[in-house]
Amino acid sequence: MKITDETIKYVAHLARLELEEKEIGLYTNQLNSILDYMEKLNKLDTSNIEPTSHPIALECVLREDEVKESFSVEKSTQNAPERIGSFFKVPPIIEIED
């Protein structure tokens, strides 16, 4: 299937885009190149290839989760400029007008 300038104009109209003539020609050529490449890929025999979600095997590079002791409330809030009990005191984000 070849993309024409008219197809590009139609899609641009649907997307409410204003394209210049040189852009229409550029996008027509680019989309046709993509479709030509897809046509080449469709000709490949992939019957013996297992479906995958990624082209290469993925490995988790993160460490395993380990349960360990956390900071105490006192230690985690000790450097806070202001606090209320065991919470950080921060400036209000939304001011309520009366």
N, C-alpha and C. Protein backbone atom coordinates (compact mmCIF):
# COMPACT_ATOMS: atom_id res chain seq x y z
N MET A 1 0.84 -1.18 0.00
CA MET A 1 0.00 0.00 0.00
C MET A 1 0.89 1.24 0.00
N LYS A 2 0.69 2.09 -0.95
CA LYS A 2 1.46 3.32 -1.04
C LYS A 2 0.65 4.47 -0.44
N ILE A 3 1.36 5.33 0.25
CA ILE A 3 0.76 6.52 0.83
C ILE A 3 0.86 7.64 -0.21
N THR A 4 -0.22 8.36 -0.40
CA THR A 4 -0.22 9.47 -1.35
C THR A 4 -0.26 10.79 -0.59
N ASP A 5 -0.01 11.86 -1.33
CA ASP A 5 -0.10 13.19 -0.73
C ASP A 5 -1.51 13.44 -0.21
N GLU A 6 -2.50 12.92 -0.91
CA GLU A 6 -3.89 13.11 -0.50
C GLU A 6 -4.15 12.43 0.85
N THR A 7 -3.55 11.27 1.07
CA THR A 7 -3.71 10.57 2.35
C THR A 7 -3.10 11.40 3.48
N ILE A 8 -1.93 11.96 3.23
CA ILE A 8 -1.27 12.79 4.24
C ILE A 8 -2.13 14.02 4.54
N LYS A 9 -2.67 14.65 3.51
CA LYS A 9 -3.53 15.83 3.71
C LYS A 9 -4.77 15.46 4.53
N TYR A 10 -5.35 14.30 4.22
CA TYR A 10 -6.55 13.85 4.93
C TYR A 10 -6.26 13.61 6.41
N VAL A 11 -5.17 12.91 6.70
CA VAL A 11 -4.79 12.63 8.10
C VAL A 11 -4.44 13.93 8.82
N ALA A 12 -3.77 14.83 8.14
CA ALA A 12 -3.44 16.12 8.74
C ALA A 12 -4.71 16.89 9.06
N HIS A 13 -5.69 16.82 8.16
CA HIS A 13 -6.97 17.49 8.41
C HIS A 13 -7.65 16.89 9.64
N LEU A 14 -7.66 15.56 9.74
CA LEU A 14 -8.28 14.90 10.90
C LEU A 14 -7.58 15.29 12.20
N ALA A 15 -6.25 15.45 12.14
CA ALA A 15 -5.47 15.80 13.33
C ALA A 15 -5.41 17.31 13.55
N ARG A 16 -6.10 18.06 12.69
CA ARG A 16 -6.11 19.53 12.77
C ARG A 16 -4.70 20.12 12.68
N LEU A 17 -3.92 19.56 11.74
CA LEU A 17 -2.56 20.04 11.50
C LEU A 17 -2.52 20.83 10.20
N GLU A 18 -1.78 21.90 10.21
CA GLU A 18 -1.56 22.66 8.98
C GLU A 18 -0.16 22.34 8.49
N LEU A 19 -0.08 21.64 7.38
CA LEU A 19 1.22 21.24 6.83
C LEU A 19 1.52 22.04 5.58
N GLU A 20 2.78 22.38 5.40
CA GLU A 20 3.22 23.02 4.17
C GLU A 20 3.43 21.94 3.11
N GLU A 21 3.47 22.34 1.86
CA GLU A 21 3.61 21.38 0.76
C GLU A 21 4.89 20.55 0.88
N LYS A 22 5.99 21.20 1.30
CA LYS A 22 7.25 20.44 1.42
C LYS A 22 7.14 19.41 2.54
N GLU A 23 6.39 19.71 3.61
CA GLU A 23 6.20 18.75 4.70
C GLU A 23 5.36 17.57 4.22
N ILE A 24 4.35 17.85 3.41
CA ILE A 24 3.50 16.77 2.90
C ILE A 24 4.34 15.81 2.06
N GLY A 25 5.19 16.34 1.19
CA GLY A 25 6.08 15.49 0.38
C GLY A 25 7.05 14.70 1.25
N LEU A 26 7.59 15.36 2.28
CA LEU A 26 8.54 14.70 3.18
C LEU A 26 7.88 13.54 3.91
N TYR A 27 6.69 13.79 4.49
CA TYR A 27 6.00 12.74 5.24
C TYR A 27 5.54 11.61 4.34
N THR A 28 5.14 11.94 3.11
CA THR A 28 4.75 10.90 2.15
C THR A 28 5.93 9.97 1.88
N ASN A 29 7.10 10.55 1.62
CA ASN A 29 8.30 9.74 1.35
C ASN A 29 8.69 8.91 2.57
N GLN A 30 8.66 9.51 3.75
CA GLN A 30 9.05 8.80 4.96
C GLN A 30 8.10 7.63 5.25
N LEU A 31 6.82 7.86 5.16
CA LEU A 31 5.86 6.78 5.43
C LEU A 31 5.96 5.67 4.39
N ASN A 32 6.18 6.03 3.13
CA ASN A 32 6.36 5.00 2.10
C ASN A 32 7.62 4.18 2.34
N SER A 33 8.68 4.82 2.83
CA SER A 33 9.91 4.08 3.16
C SER A 33 9.65 3.09 4.28
N ILE A 34 8.90 3.52 5.28
CA ILE A 34 8.57 2.62 6.40
C ILE A 34 7.74 1.44 5.91
N LEU A 35 6.75 1.72 5.06
CA LEU A 35 5.89 0.65 4.55
C LEU A 35 6.67 -0.31 3.65
N ASP A 36 7.61 0.21 2.86
CA ASP A 36 8.46 -0.66 2.03
C ASP A 36 9.28 -1.59 2.90
N TYR A 37 9.84 -1.05 3.98
CA TYR A 37 10.64 -1.87 4.89
C TYR A 37 9.77 -2.93 5.57
N MET A 38 8.57 -2.56 5.96
CA MET A 38 7.66 -3.52 6.58
C MET A 38 7.30 -4.64 5.59
N GLU A 39 7.17 -4.29 4.33
CA GLU A 39 6.90 -5.29 3.30
C GLU A 39 8.03 -6.30 3.21
N LYS A 40 9.28 -5.81 3.29
CA LYS A 40 10.44 -6.71 3.28
C LYS A 40 10.41 -7.63 4.50
N LEU A 41 10.07 -7.08 5.66
CA LEU A 41 10.01 -7.89 6.88
C LEU A 41 8.91 -8.94 6.80
N ASN A 42 7.80 -8.59 6.18
CA ASN A 42 6.69 -9.55 6.05
C ASN A 42 7.05 -10.73 5.15
N LYS A 43 8.03 -10.57 4.28
CA LYS A 43 8.44 -11.65 3.39
C LYS A 43 9.34 -12.68 4.08
N LEU A 44 9.86 -12.33 5.25
CA LEU A 44 10.75 -13.24 5.98
C LEU A 44 9.96 -14.43 6.55
N ASP A 45 10.60 -15.59 6.52
CA ASP A 45 9.99 -16.78 7.10
C ASP A 45 10.29 -16.80 8.60
N THR A 46 9.28 -16.60 9.39
CA THR A 46 9.45 -16.58 10.85
C THR A 46 8.73 -17.74 11.51
N SER A 47 8.43 -18.77 10.74
CA SER A 47 7.67 -19.90 11.29
C SER A 47 8.44 -20.67 12.36
N ASN A 48 9.77 -20.68 12.29
CA ASN A 48 10.58 -21.41 13.28
C ASN A 48 11.14 -20.52 14.38
N ILE A 49 10.65 -19.32 14.46
CA ILE A 49 11.16 -18.38 15.47
C ILE A 49 10.13 -18.24 16.57
N GLU A 50 10.60 -18.43 17.79
CA GLU A 50 9.73 -18.32 18.96
C GLU A 50 9.33 -16.87 19.20
N PRO A 51 8.04 -16.61 19.46
CA PRO A 51 7.64 -15.23 19.76
C PRO A 51 8.30 -14.72 21.04
N THR A 52 8.71 -13.47 21.03
CA THR A 52 9.33 -12.87 22.22
C THR A 52 8.75 -11.48 22.43
N SER A 53 8.86 -10.99 23.64
CA SER A 53 8.42 -9.63 23.92
C SER A 53 9.58 -8.64 23.77
N HIS A 54 10.82 -9.16 23.78
CA HIS A 54 12.01 -8.32 23.63
C HIS A 54 13.01 -9.05 22.73
N PRO A 55 13.77 -8.31 21.94
CA PRO A 55 14.72 -8.97 21.05
C PRO A 55 15.90 -9.62 21.77
N ILE A 56 16.20 -9.16 22.97
CA ILE A 56 17.28 -9.77 23.75
C ILE A 56 16.74 -10.16 25.12
N ALA A 57 17.38 -11.12 25.74
CA ALA A 57 16.94 -11.57 27.06
C ALA A 57 17.12 -10.47 28.09
N LEU A 58 16.13 -10.31 28.95
CA LEU A 58 16.20 -9.28 29.99
C LEU A 58 16.58 -9.92 31.31
N GLU A 59 17.42 -9.23 32.02
CA GLU A 59 17.80 -9.66 33.35
C GLU A 59 17.57 -8.51 34.30
N CYS A 60 17.08 -8.81 35.48
CA CYS A 60 16.87 -7.77 36.48
C CYS A 60 18.22 -7.38 37.06
N VAL A 61 18.55 -6.10 36.92
CA VAL A 61 19.84 -5.63 37.42
C VAL A 61 19.74 -5.10 38.85
N LEU A 62 18.55 -5.14 39.40
CA LEU A 62 18.37 -4.66 40.76
C LEU A 62 18.66 -5.77 41.75
N ARG A 63 19.03 -5.39 42.95
CA ARG A 63 19.33 -6.40 43.96
C ARG A 63 18.04 -7.02 44.47
N GLU A 64 18.15 -8.13 45.10
CA GLU A 64 17.00 -8.80 45.70
C GLU A 64 16.47 -7.96 46.86
N ASP A 65 15.19 -8.00 47.07
CA ASP A 65 14.61 -7.31 48.22
C ASP A 65 15.01 -8.04 49.49
N GLU A 66 15.42 -7.27 50.47
CA GLU A 66 15.81 -7.85 51.75
C GLU A 66 15.09 -7.10 52.86
N VAL A 67 14.58 -7.83 53.81
CA VAL A 67 13.96 -7.20 54.96
C VAL A 67 15.06 -6.87 55.95
N LYS A 68 15.13 -5.60 56.31
CA LYS A 68 16.13 -5.19 57.30
C LYS A 68 15.58 -4.02 58.10
N GLU A 69 16.26 -3.70 59.16
CA GLU A 69 15.79 -2.67 60.06
C GLU A 69 15.83 -1.30 59.39
N SER A 70 14.79 -0.51 59.59
CA SER A 70 14.70 0.83 59.02
C SER A 70 15.15 1.86 60.04
N PHE A 71 15.24 3.12 59.58
CA PHE A 71 15.55 4.21 60.50
C PHE A 71 14.39 4.39 61.48
N SER A 72 14.71 4.81 62.65
CA SER A 72 13.66 5.14 63.61
C SER A 72 13.05 6.49 63.21
N VAL A 73 11.86 6.77 63.73
CA VAL A 73 11.20 8.05 63.43
C VAL A 73 12.08 9.19 63.91
N GLU A 74 12.65 9.04 65.07
CA GLU A 74 13.50 10.10 65.64
C GLU A 74 14.71 10.37 64.76
N LYS A 75 15.36 9.30 64.29
CA LYS A 75 16.55 9.47 63.47
C LYS A 75 16.21 10.06 62.10
N SER A 76 15.08 9.65 61.52
CA SER A 76 14.75 10.13 60.18
C SER A 76 14.27 11.57 60.17
N THR A 77 13.79 12.08 61.31
CA THR A 77 13.33 13.46 61.36
C THR A 77 14.29 14.39 62.12
N GLN A 78 15.44 13.90 62.53
CA GLN A 78 16.33 14.70 63.36
C GLN A 78 16.88 15.93 62.65
N ASN A 79 17.04 15.90 61.34
CA ASN A 79 17.58 17.05 60.61
C ASN A 79 16.51 17.93 60.00
N ALA A 80 15.25 17.62 60.25
CA ALA A 80 14.17 18.43 59.69
C ALA A 80 14.19 19.82 60.30
N PRO A 81 14.02 20.86 59.48
CA PRO A 81 14.02 22.21 60.03
C PRO A 81 12.87 22.42 61.02
N GLU A 82 11.72 21.85 60.71
CA GLU A 82 10.58 21.92 61.61
C GLU A 82 9.82 20.61 61.54
N ARG A 83 9.22 20.25 62.65
CA ARG A 83 8.40 19.05 62.65
C ARG A 83 7.28 19.19 63.67
N ILE A 84 6.26 18.40 63.46
CA ILE A 84 5.13 18.34 64.38
C ILE A 84 5.04 16.89 64.83
N GLY A 85 5.41 16.63 66.04
CA GLY A 85 5.45 15.25 66.52
C GLY A 85 6.45 14.45 65.72
N SER A 86 5.99 13.41 65.06
CA SER A 86 6.89 12.57 64.27
C SER A 86 6.77 12.86 62.77
N PHE A 87 6.20 14.02 62.41
CA PHE A 87 6.00 14.37 61.01
C PHE A 87 6.83 15.59 60.64
N PHE A 88 7.19 15.69 59.34
CA PHE A 88 7.84 16.88 58.84
C PHE A 88 6.80 17.98 58.72
N LYS A 89 7.14 19.19 59.11
CA LYS A 89 6.25 20.32 58.91
C LYS A 89 6.67 21.00 57.62
N VAL A 90 5.73 21.12 56.70
CA VAL A 90 6.01 21.74 55.40
C VAL A 90 5.04 22.89 55.19
N PRO A 91 5.40 23.84 54.33
CA PRO A 91 4.48 24.93 54.06
C PRO A 91 3.25 24.40 53.32
N PRO A 92 2.10 25.02 53.54
CA PRO A 92 0.89 24.56 52.85
C PRO A 92 1.01 24.78 51.34
N ILE A 93 0.47 23.86 50.59
CA ILE A 93 0.51 23.96 49.13
C ILE A 93 -0.71 24.73 48.64
N ILE A 94 -1.85 24.45 49.23
CA ILE A 94 -3.09 25.12 48.84
C ILE A 94 -3.55 25.96 50.04
N GLU A 95 -3.75 27.22 49.78
CA GLU A 95 -4.24 28.08 50.83
C GLU A 95 -5.75 28.19 50.71
N ILE A 96 -6.46 28.01 51.77
CA ILE A 96 -7.91 28.06 51.78
C ILE A 96 -8.33 29.46 52.21
N GLU A 97 -9.11 30.11 51.35
CA GLU A 97 -9.60 31.45 51.69
C GLU A 97 -10.95 31.32 52.38
N ASP A 98 -11.19 32.14 53.39
CA ASP A 98 -12.48 32.11 54.08
C ASP A 98 -13.45 33.05 53.44
